[in-house]
């Protein structure tokens, strides 16, 4: 049975306030075979991309440095049925 992650042409947006981490995330995702990867610095910009382009997968932290929260993205997905197939992976900082 094929997985939704088998589509290596899907649009992926990686969010991180750190330019270094954005670059690393994009490189790792591309190494996995995905070709259509964008990286943005905050969740607000990610939402702007989602308003103009079909995004299949969002990878983002729980909260960015500009008080954006992944719950904003999840709320949009709840309100707009056309976004419900979008996958969201949440990166959390490790707590010891």
Protein backbone atom coordinates (compact mmCIF):
# COMPACT_ATOMS: atom_id res chain seq x y z
CA UNK A 1 0.00 0.00 0.00
CA UNK A 2 1.57 3.32 -1.04
CA UNK A 3 2.21 5.97 1.60
CA UNK A 4 1.40 9.65 1.22
CA UNK A 5 5.11 10.21 1.81
CA UNK A 6 5.97 8.38 -1.44
CA UNK A 7 5.24 11.50 -3.52
CA UNK A 8 8.67 13.09 -3.84
CA UNK A 9 7.17 16.01 -5.83
CA UNK A 10 4.99 17.27 -2.97
CA UNK A 11 5.49 20.82 -1.67
CA UNK A 12 7.19 20.90 1.74
CA UNK A 13 7.65 23.99 3.91
CA UNK A 14 10.18 23.86 6.74
CA UNK A 15 9.92 26.56 9.41
CA UNK A 16 12.71 27.67 11.72
CA UNK A 17 13.79 31.05 13.06
CA UNK A 18 17.41 29.94 12.74
CA UNK A 19 18.89 30.26 9.23
CA UNK A 20 21.34 27.47 10.04
CA UNK A 21 18.59 25.09 11.11
CA UNK A 22 16.44 26.04 8.09
CA UNK A 23 19.33 25.21 5.80
CA UNK A 24 19.99 21.93 7.60
CA UNK A 25 16.30 20.91 7.51
CA UNK A 26 16.06 21.69 3.79
CA UNK A 27 19.24 19.74 3.04
CA UNK A 28 18.09 16.68 5.00
CA UNK A 29 14.66 16.71 3.35
CA UNK A 30 16.25 16.97 -0.09
CA UNK A 31 18.62 14.10 0.74
CA UNK A 32 15.53 11.99 1.43
CA UNK A 33 14.54 12.59 -2.19
CA UNK A 34 12.01 15.40 -1.89
CA UNK A 35 12.59 18.12 -4.47
CA UNK A 36 10.06 20.88 -3.79
CA UNK A 37 11.27 22.20 -0.42
CA UNK A 38 10.95 25.78 0.84
CA UNK A 39 12.14 27.12 4.14
CA UNK A 40 10.75 30.15 5.96
CA UNK A 41 11.69 31.90 9.17
CA UNK A 42 8.31 32.00 10.92
CA UNK A 43 4.85 30.49 11.05
CA UNK A 44 3.20 33.66 9.71
CA UNK A 45 5.23 33.38 6.51
CA UNK A 46 4.36 29.68 6.29
CA UNK A 47 0.66 30.56 6.47
CA UNK A 48 1.17 33.15 3.72
CA UNK A 49 2.73 30.45 1.53
CA UNK A 50 -0.20 28.15 2.32
CA UNK A 51 -2.61 30.87 1.17
CA UNK A 52 -0.98 31.11 -2.26
CA UNK A 53 0.34 27.59 -2.96
CA UNK A 54 -0.74 24.02 -2.32
CA UNK A 55 1.43 22.82 0.56
CA UNK A 56 1.46 19.08 1.29
CA UNK A 57 3.69 18.96 4.37
CA UNK A 58 4.66 21.55 7.00
CA UNK A 59 7.56 20.91 9.36
CA UNK A 60 7.71 23.50 12.13
CA UNK A 61 8.44 24.17 15.79
CA UNK A 62 5.68 24.44 18.38
CA UNK A 63 6.34 28.17 18.59
CA UNK A 64 8.56 30.50 16.59
CA UNK A 65 10.47 33.57 17.76
CA UNK A 66 7.69 35.94 16.60
CA UNK A 67 5.02 34.44 18.89
CA UNK A 68 3.59 32.34 16.06
CA UNK A 69 2.27 28.98 17.16
CA UNK A 70 1.68 25.74 15.26
CA UNK A 71 -1.88 25.89 16.61
CA UNK A 72 -2.52 28.71 14.11
CA UNK A 73 -1.78 26.28 11.28
CA UNK A 74 -3.88 23.53 12.85
CA UNK A 75 -6.75 26.01 13.32
CA UNK A 76 -6.62 26.93 9.62
CA UNK A 77 -6.66 23.25 8.69
CA UNK A 78 -9.74 22.79 10.85
CA UNK A 79 -11.54 25.77 9.27
CA UNK A 80 -10.70 25.03 5.63
CA UNK A 81 -11.45 21.47 4.48
CA UNK A 82 -9.13 21.80 1.47
CA UNK A 83 -6.18 21.99 3.90
CA UNK A 84 -7.07 18.88 5.89
CA UNK A 85 -4.86 16.58 3.82
CA UNK A 86 -1.82 18.70 4.71
CA UNK A 87 0.60 16.86 6.95
CA UNK A 88 2.13 18.73 9.90
CA UNK A 89 5.24 17.59 11.73
CA UNK A 90 5.98 19.47 14.91
CA UNK A 91 9.56 19.89 16.07
CA UNK A 92 9.94 20.33 19.78
CA UNK A 93 13.02 21.21 21.69
CA UNK A 94 14.39 18.41 23.80
CA UNK A 95 13.86 18.79 27.50
CA UNK A 96 16.12 16.94 29.88
